[in-house]
Amino acid sequence: MEGVVVSAKQNKTAIVRVERTFTHPVMKKIVRRSKKYHAHDEANAAVEGQTVTIQECLPHSKLKRWELVSGGEGDA
């Protein structure tokens, strides 16, 4: 999944907001929904505002079930 880093203040953790769009079944309008994921960032390379790719992994902690795959190399 692809999203934007909202917070990178925690050690080895980045909070990523992933947005999805869909058509409302009754109103037939485009609706935008977002969800935040805690992702493991081993190198602490994520920067706020950066677009990154995350993938599901084995649990690192209570909330961290995702890890950064790409985009965390400091290319803001």
PDB file of N, CA and C in Angstrom:
ATOM      1  N   MET A   1       0.842  -1.176   0.000  1.00  0.00           N
ATOM      2  CA  MET A   1       0.000   0.000   0.000  1.00  0.00           C
ATOM      3  C   MET A   1       0.884   1.235   0.000  1.00  0.00           C
ATOM      4  N   GLU A   2       0.339   2.301  -0.547  1.00  0.00           N
ATOM      5  CA  GLU A   2       1.099   3.538  -0.640  1.00  0.00           C
ATOM      6  C   GLU A   2       0.408   4.619   0.168  1.00  0.00           C
ATOM      7  N   GLY A   3       1.205   5.411   0.889  1.00  0.00           N
ATOM      8  CA  GLY A   3       0.625   6.465   1.706  1.00  0.00           C
ATOM      9  C   GLY A   3       1.648   7.542   2.034  1.00  0.00           C
ATOM     10  N   VAL A   4       1.211   8.497   2.846  1.00  0.00           N
ATOM     11  CA  VAL A   4       2.041   9.637   3.219  1.00  0.00           C
ATOM     12  C   VAL A   4       2.383   9.524   4.703  1.00  0.00           C
ATOM     13  N   VAL A   5       3.647   9.781   5.038  1.00  0.00           N
ATOM     14  CA  VAL A   5       4.090   9.734   6.431  1.00  0.00           C
ATOM     15  C   VAL A   5       3.510  10.938   7.164  1.00  0.00           C
ATOM     16  N   VAL A   6       2.764  10.658   8.232  1.00  0.00           N
ATOM     17  CA  VAL A   6       2.140  11.709   9.034  1.00  0.00           C
ATOM     18  C   VAL A   6       3.042  12.063  10.207  1.00  0.00           C
ATOM     19  N   SER A   7       3.678  11.054  10.813  1.00  0.00           N
ATOM     20  CA  SER A   7       4.547  11.274  11.962  1.00  0.00           C
ATOM     21  C   SER A   7       5.708  10.301  11.906  1.00  0.00           C
ATOM     22  N   ALA A   8       6.909  10.817  12.190  1.00  0.00           N
ATOM     23  CA  ALA A   8       8.108   9.983  12.236  1.00  0.00           C
ATOM     24  C   ALA A   8       8.886  10.270  13.512  1.00  0.00           C
ATOM     25  N   LYS A   9       8.181  10.669  14.567  1.00  0.00           N
ATOM     26  CA  LYS A   9       8.831  11.067  15.806  1.00  0.00           C
ATOM     27  C   LYS A   9       9.244   9.893  16.677  1.00  0.00           C
ATOM     28  N   GLN A  10       8.551   8.769  16.558  1.00  0.00           N
ATOM     29  CA  GLN A  10       8.874   7.612  17.384  1.00  0.00           C
ATOM     30  C   GLN A  10      10.103   6.890  16.834  1.00  0.00           C
ATOM     31  N   ASN A  11      10.790   6.171  17.710  1.00  0.00           N
ATOM     32  CA  ASN A  11      11.987   5.445  17.309  1.00  0.00           C
ATOM     33  C   ASN A  11      11.600   4.196  16.520  1.00  0.00           C
ATOM     34  N   LYS A  12      12.115   4.078  15.286  1.00  0.00           N
ATOM     35  CA  LYS A  12      11.882   2.946  14.393  1.00  0.00           C
ATOM     36  C   LYS A  12      10.409   2.744  14.049  1.00  0.00           C
ATOM     37  N   THR A  13       9.624   3.818  14.107  1.00  0.00           N
ATOM     38  CA  THR A  13       8.205   3.741  13.766  1.00  0.00           C
ATOM     39  C   THR A  13       7.811   4.966  12.954  1.00  0.00           C
ATOM     40  N   ALA A  14       7.026   4.729  11.909  1.00  0.00           N
ATOM     41  CA  ALA A  14       6.461   5.818  11.121  1.00  0.00           C
ATOM     42  C   ALA A  14       4.953   5.584  11.033  1.00  0.00           C
ATOM     43  N   ILE A  15       4.180   6.638  11.202  1.00  0.00           N
ATOM     44  CA  ILE A  15       2.734   6.533  11.054  1.00  0.00           C
ATOM     45  C   ILE A  15       2.385   7.003   9.654  1.00  0.00           C
ATOM     46  N   VAL A  16       1.752   6.112   8.884  1.00  0.00           N
ATOM     47  CA  VAL A  16       1.478   6.350   7.470  1.00  0.00           C
ATOM     48  C   VAL A  16      -0.028   6.444   7.257  1.00  0.00           C
ATOM     49  N   ARG A  17      -0.474   7.524   6.583  1.00  0.00           N
ATOM     50  CA  ARG A  17      -1.891   7.688   6.249  1.00  0.00           C
ATOM     51  C   ARG A  17      -2.121   7.194   4.820  1.00  0.00           C
ATOM     52  N   VAL A  18      -3.012   6.214   4.666  1.00  0.00           N
ATOM     53  CA  VAL A  18      -3.332   5.659   3.358  1.00  0.00           C
ATOM     54  C   VAL A  18      -4.753   6.092   3.002  1.00  0.00           C
ATOM     55  N   GLU A  19      -4.910   6.733   1.848  1.00  0.00           N
ATOM     56  CA  GLU A  19      -6.225   7.190   1.398  1.00  0.00           C
ATOM     57  C   GLU A  19      -6.757   6.249   0.330  1.00  0.00           C
ATOM     58  N   ARG A  20      -8.081   6.048   0.365  1.00  0.00           N
ATOM     59  CA  ARG A  20      -8.735   5.259  -0.671  1.00  0.00           C
ATOM     60  C   ARG A  20      -9.982   5.996  -1.118  1.00  0.00           C
ATOM     61  N   THR A  21     -10.340   5.854  -2.380  1.00  0.00           N
ATOM     62  CA  THR A  21     -11.535   6.491  -2.910  1.00  0.00           C
ATOM     63  C   THR A  21     -12.464   5.426  -3.453  1.00  0.00           C
ATOM     64  N   PHE A  22     -13.775   5.669  -3.313  1.00  0.00           N
ATOM     65  CA  PHE A  22     -14.764   4.746  -3.838  1.00  0.00           C
ATOM     66  C   PHE A  22     -16.039   5.523  -4.130  1.00  0.00           C
ATOM     67  N   THR A  23     -16.914   4.933  -4.910  1.00  0.00           N
ATOM     68  CA  THR A  23     -18.191   5.554  -5.232  1.00  0.00           C
ATOM     69  C   THR A  23     -19.216   5.148  -4.183  1.00  0.00           C
ATOM     70  N   HIS A  24     -19.906   6.137  -3.626  1.00  0.00           N
ATOM     71  CA  HIS A  24     -20.927   5.859  -2.621  1.00  0.00           C
ATOM     72  C   HIS A  24     -22.067   5.075  -3.278  1.00  0.00           C
ATOM     73  N   PRO A  25     -22.528   3.989  -2.631  1.00  0.00           N
ATOM     74  CA  PRO A  25     -23.523   3.128  -3.270  1.00  0.00           C
ATOM     75  C   PRO A  25     -24.884   3.803  -3.518  1.00  0.00           C
ATOM     76  N   VAL A  26     -25.268   4.755  -2.689  1.00  0.00           N
ATOM     77  CA  VAL A  26     -26.572   5.404  -2.851  1.00  0.00           C
ATOM     78  C   VAL A  26     -26.437   6.769  -3.522  1.00  0.00           C
ATOM     79  N   MET A  27     -25.509   7.589  -3.039  1.00  0.00           N
ATOM     80  CA  MET A  27     -25.380   8.954  -3.535  1.00  0.00           C
ATOM     81  C   MET A  27     -24.614   9.054  -4.860  1.00  0.00           C
ATOM     82  N   LYS A  28     -23.873   8.018  -5.206  1.00  0.00           N
ATOM     83  CA  LYS A  28     -23.095   7.971  -6.460  1.00  0.00           C
ATOM     84  C   LYS A  28     -22.045   9.065  -6.555  1.00  0.00           C
ATOM     85  N   LYS A  29     -21.543   9.489  -5.395  1.00  0.00           N
ATOM     86  CA  LYS A  29     -20.469  10.476  -5.358  1.00  0.00           C
ATOM     87  C   LYS A  29     -19.168   9.774  -5.010  1.00  0.00           C
ATOM     88  N   ILE A  30     -18.058  10.382  -5.398  1.00  0.00           N
ATOM     89  CA  ILE A  30     -16.750   9.860  -5.037  1.00  0.00           C
ATOM     90  C   ILE A  30     -16.476  10.228  -3.583  1.00  0.00           C
ATOM     91  N   VAL A  31     -16.190   9.232  -2.759  1.00  0.00           N
ATOM     92  CA  VAL A  31     -15.936   9.442  -1.338  1.00  0.00           C
ATOM     93  C   VAL A  31     -14.486   9.090  -1.050  1.00  0.00           C
ATOM     94  N   ARG A  32     -13.835   9.912  -0.213  1.00  0.00           N
ATOM     95  CA  ARG A  32     -12.438   9.685   0.144  1.00  0.00           C
ATOM     96  C   ARG A  32     -12.361   9.300   1.614  1.00  0.00           C
ATOM     97  N   ARG A  33     -11.711   8.178   1.901  1.00  0.00           N
ATOM     98  CA  ARG A  33     -11.526   7.726   3.274  1.00  0.00           C
ATOM     99  C   ARG A  33     -10.032   7.488   3.501  1.00  0.00           C
ATOM    100  N   SER A  34      -9.582   7.738   4.735  1.00  0.00           N
ATOM    101  CA  SER A  34      -8.182   7.496   5.048  1.00  0.00           C
ATOM    102  C   SER A  34      -8.065   6.703   6.335  1.00  0.00           C
ATOM    103  N   LYS A  35      -6.948   6.001   6.469  1.00  0.00           N
ATOM    104  CA  LYS A  35      -6.679   5.202   7.648  1.00  0.00           C
ATOM    105  C   LYS A  35      -5.194   5.308   7.956  1.00  0.00           C
ATOM    106  N   LYS A  36      -4.859   5.311   9.249  1.00  0.00           N
ATOM    107  CA  LYS A  36      -3.464   5.423   9.658  1.00  0.00           C
ATOM    108  C   LYS A  36      -2.930   4.057  10.058  1.00  0.00           C
ATOM    109  N   TYR A  37      -1.704   3.773   9.639  1.00  0.00           N
ATOM    110  CA  TYR A  37      -1.033   2.524   9.967  1.00  0.00           C
ATOM    111  C   TYR A  37       0.300   2.825  10.634  1.00  0.00           C
ATOM    112  N   HIS A  38       0.637   2.075  11.678  1.00  0.00           N
ATOM    113  CA  HIS A  38       1.956   2.169  12.306  1.00  0.00           C
ATOM    114  C   HIS A  38       2.872   1.208  11.547  1.00  0.00           C
ATOM    115  N   ALA A  39       3.939   1.727  10.974  1.00  0.00           N
ATOM    116  CA  ALA A  39       4.852   0.918  10.172  1.00  0.00           C
ATOM    117  C   ALA A  39       6.240   0.905  10.799  1.00  0.00           C
ATOM    118  N   HIS A  40       6.894  -0.252  10.737  1.00  0.00           N
ATOM    119  CA  HIS A  40       8.240  -0.403  11.273  1.00  0.00           C
ATOM    120  C   HIS A  40       9.234   0.219  10.304  1.00  0.00           C
ATOM    121  N   ASP A  41      10.099   1.091  10.825  1.00  0.00           N
ATOM    122  CA  ASP A  41      11.104   1.799  10.027  1.00  0.00           C
ATOM    123  C   ASP A  41      12.458   1.561  10.694  1.00  0.00           C
ATOM    124  N   GLU A  42      13.128   0.509  10.293  1.00  0.00           N
ATOM    125  CA  GLU A  42      14.361   0.070  10.953  1.00  0.00           C
ATOM    126  C   GLU A  42      15.453   1.139  10.941  1.00  0.00           C
ATOM    127  N   ALA A  43      15.577   1.877   9.844  1.00  0.00           N
ATOM    128  CA  ALA A  43      16.673   2.839   9.696  1.00  0.00           C
ATOM    129  C   ALA A  43      16.287   4.258  10.131  1.00  0.00           C
ATOM    130  N   ASN A  44      15.082   4.455  10.615  1.00  0.00           N
ATOM    131  CA  ASN A  44      14.584   5.796  10.959  1.00  0.00           C
ATOM    132  C   ASN A  44      14.761   6.757   9.783  1.00  0.00           C
ATOM    133  N   ALA A  45      14.468   6.287   8.583  1.00  0.00           N
ATOM    134  CA  ALA A  45      14.708   7.077   7.375  1.00  0.00           C
ATOM    135  C   ALA A  45      13.490   7.868   6.918  1.00  0.00           C
ATOM    136  N   ALA A  46      12.320   7.576   7.444  1.00  0.00           N
ATOM    137  CA  ALA A  46      11.096   8.248   6.991  1.00  0.00           C
ATOM    138  C   ALA A  46      11.064   9.699   7.471  1.00  0.00           C
ATOM    139  N   VAL A  47      10.537  10.571   6.605  1.00  0.00           N
ATOM    140  CA  VAL A  47      10.411  11.992   6.894  1.00  0.00           C
ATOM    141  C   VAL A  47       8.937  12.361   6.725  1.00  0.00           C
ATOM    142  N   GLU A  48       8.439  13.249   7.583  1.00  0.00           N
ATOM    143  CA  GLU A  48       7.044  13.668   7.487  1.00  0.00           C
ATOM    144  C   GLU A  48       6.761  14.279   6.120  1.00  0.00           C
ATOM    145  N   GLY A  49       5.612  13.908   5.537  1.00  0.00           N
ATOM    146  CA  GLY A  49       5.223  14.420   4.231  1.00  0.00           C
ATOM    147  C   GLY A  49       5.712  13.584   3.071  1.00  0.00           C
ATOM    148  N   GLN A  50       6.503  12.586   3.350  1.00  0.00           N
ATOM    149  CA  GLN A  50       7.093  11.741   2.313  1.00  0.00           C
ATOM    150  C   GLN A  50       6.116  10.642   1.904  1.00  0.00           C
ATOM    151  N   THR A  51       6.086  10.291   0.622  1.00  0.00           N
ATOM    152  CA  THR A  51       5.257   9.195   0.137  1.00  0.00           C
ATOM    153  C   THR A  51       6.066   7.901   0.219  1.00  0.00           C
ATOM    154  N   VAL A  52       5.491   6.899   0.886  1.00  0.00           N
ATOM    155  CA  VAL A  52       6.192   5.634   1.097  1.00  0.00           C
ATOM    156  C   VAL A  52       5.283   4.468   0.737  1.00  0.00           C
ATOM    157  N   THR A  53       5.899   3.313   0.577  1.00  0.00           N
ATOM    158  CA  THR A  53       5.184   2.075   0.335  1.00  0.00           C
ATOM    159  C   THR A  53       5.353   1.179   1.552  1.00  0.00           C
ATOM    160  N   ILE A  54       4.252   0.591   2.024  1.00  0.00           N
ATOM    161  CA  ILE A  54       4.318  -0.303   3.181  1.00  0.00           C
ATOM    162  C   ILE A  54       3.735  -1.657   2.801  1.00  0.00           C
ATOM    163  N   GLN A  55       4.165  -2.688   3.529  1.00  0.00           N
ATOM    164  CA  GLN A  55       3.618  -4.024   3.307  1.00  0.00           C
ATOM    165  C   GLN A  55       3.353  -4.685   4.648  1.00  0.00           C
ATOM    166  N   GLU A  56       2.433  -5.626   4.653  1.00  0.00           N
ATOM    167  CA  GLU A  56       2.074  -6.325   5.876  1.00  0.00           C
ATOM    168  C   GLU A  56       3.201  -7.270   6.275  1.00  0.00           C
ATOM    169  N   CYS A  57       3.396  -7.440   7.586  1.00  0.00           N
ATOM    170  CA  CYS A  57       4.458  -8.313   8.077  1.00  0.00           C
ATOM    171  C   CYS A  57       4.022  -8.925   9.403  1.00  0.00           C
ATOM    172  N   LEU A  58       4.877  -9.725   9.969  1.00  0.00           N
ATOM    173  CA  LEU A  58       4.612 -10.283  11.289  1.00  0.00           C
ATOM    174  C   LEU A  58       4.612  -9.158  12.314  1.00  0.00           C
ATOM    175  N   PRO A  59       3.869  -9.292  13.405  1.00  0.00           N
ATOM    176  CA  PRO A  59       3.777  -8.200  14.380  1.00  0.00           C
ATOM    177  C   PRO A  59       5.113  -7.858  15.029  1.00  0.00           C
ATOM    178  N   HIS A  60       5.420  -6.559  15.052  1.00  0.00           N
ATOM    179  CA  HIS A  60       6.594  -6.061  15.772  1.00  0.00           C
ATOM    180  C   HIS A  60       6.207  -5.624  17.171  1.00  0.00           C
ATOM    181  N   SER A  61       4.958  -5.175  17.330  1.00  0.00           N
ATOM    182  CA  SER A  61       4.449  -4.740  18.626  1.00  0.00           C
ATOM    183  C   SER A  61       2.925  -4.802  18.569  1.00  0.00           C
ATOM    184  N   LYS A  62       2.272  -4.209  19.553  1.00  0.00           N
ATOM    185  CA  LYS A  62       0.813  -4.238  19.625  1.00  0.00           C
ATOM    186  C   LYS A  62       0.156  -3.617  18.389  1.00  0.00           C
ATOM    187  N   LEU A  63       0.698  -2.503  17.913  1.00  0.00           N
ATOM    188  CA  LEU A  63       0.100  -1.789  16.790  1.00  0.00           C
ATOM    189  C   LEU A  63       0.839  -1.969  15.470  1.00  0.00           C
ATOM    190  N   LYS A  64       2.112  -2.333  15.516  1.00  0.00           N
ATOM    191  CA  LYS A  64       2.916  -2.379  14.287  1.00  0.00           C
ATOM    192  C   LYS A  64       2.811  -3.742  13.604  1.00  0.00           C
ATOM    193  N   ARG A  65       2.005  -3.783  12.526  1.00  0.00           N
ATOM    194  CA  ARG A  65       1.876  -4.986  11.694  1.00  0.00           C
ATOM    195  C   ARG A  65       2.276  -4.703  10.259  1.00  0.00           C
ATOM    196  N   TRP A  66       2.913  -3.560  10.032  1.00  0.00           N
ATOM    197  CA  TRP A  66       3.331  -3.131   8.699  1.00  0.00           C
ATOM    198  C   TRP A  66       4.786  -2.705   8.761  1.00  0.00           C
ATOM    199  N   GLU A  67       5.463  -2.732   7.604  1.00  0.00           N
ATOM    200  CA  GLU A  67       6.841  -2.273   7.541  1.00  0.00           C
ATOM    201  C   GLU A  67       7.063  -1.482   6.267  1.00  0.00           C
ATOM    202  N   LEU A  68       7.993  -0.529   6.333  1.00  0.00           N
ATOM    203  CA  LEU A  68       8.323   0.275   5.169  1.00  0.00           C
ATOM    204  C   LEU A  68       9.082  -0.564   4.157  1.00  0.00           C
ATOM    205  N   VAL A  69       8.662  -0.471   2.906  1.00  0.00           N
ATOM    206  CA  VAL A  69       9.329  -1.209   1.834  1.00  0.00           C
ATOM    207  C   VAL A  69      10.216  -0.263   1.031  1.00  0.00           C
ATOM    208  N   SER A  70       9.663   0.861   0.598  1.00  0.00           N
ATOM    209  CA  SER A  70      10.445   1.818  -0.186  1.00  0.00           C
ATOM    210  C   SER A  70       9.974   3.224   0.106  1.00  0.00           C
ATOM    211  N   GLY A  71      10.782   4.185  -0.283  1.00  0.00           N
ATOM    212  CA  GLY A  71      10.448   5.586  -0.076  1.00  0.00           C
ATOM    213  C   GLY A  71      11.013   6.140   1.205  1.00  0.00           C
ATOM    214  N   GLY A  72      11.646   5.312   2.037  1.00  0.00           N
ATOM    215  CA  GLY A  72      12.183   5.773   3.294  1.00  0.00           C
ATOM    216  C   GLY A  72      13.648   6.103   3.240  1.00  0.00           C
ATOM    217  N   GLU A  73      14.179   6.442   2.056  1.00  0.00           N
ATOM    218  CA  GLU A  73      15.612   6.719   1.916  1.00  0.00           C
ATOM    219  C   GLU A  73      15.929   8.201   2.030  1.00  0.00           C
ATOM    220  N   GLY A  74      14.956   9.007   2.428  1.00  0.00           N
ATOM    221  CA  GLY A  74      15.211  10.432   2.600  1.00  0.00           C
ATOM    222  C   GLY A  74      14.939  11.272   1.367  1.00  0.00           C
ATOM    223  N   ASP A  75      14.206  10.732   0.373  1.00  0.00           N
ATOM    224  CA  ASP A  75      13.897  11.477  -0.833  1.00  0.00           C
ATOM    225  C   ASP A  75      12.566  12.220  -0.642  1.00  0.00           C
ATOM    226  N   ALA A  76      12.612  13.279   0.140  1.00  0.00           N
ATOM    227  CA  ALA A  76      11.381  14.015   0.495  1.00  0.00           C
ATOM    228  C   ALA A  76      10.877  14.881  -0.633  1.00  0.00           C
TER     229      ALA A  76
END
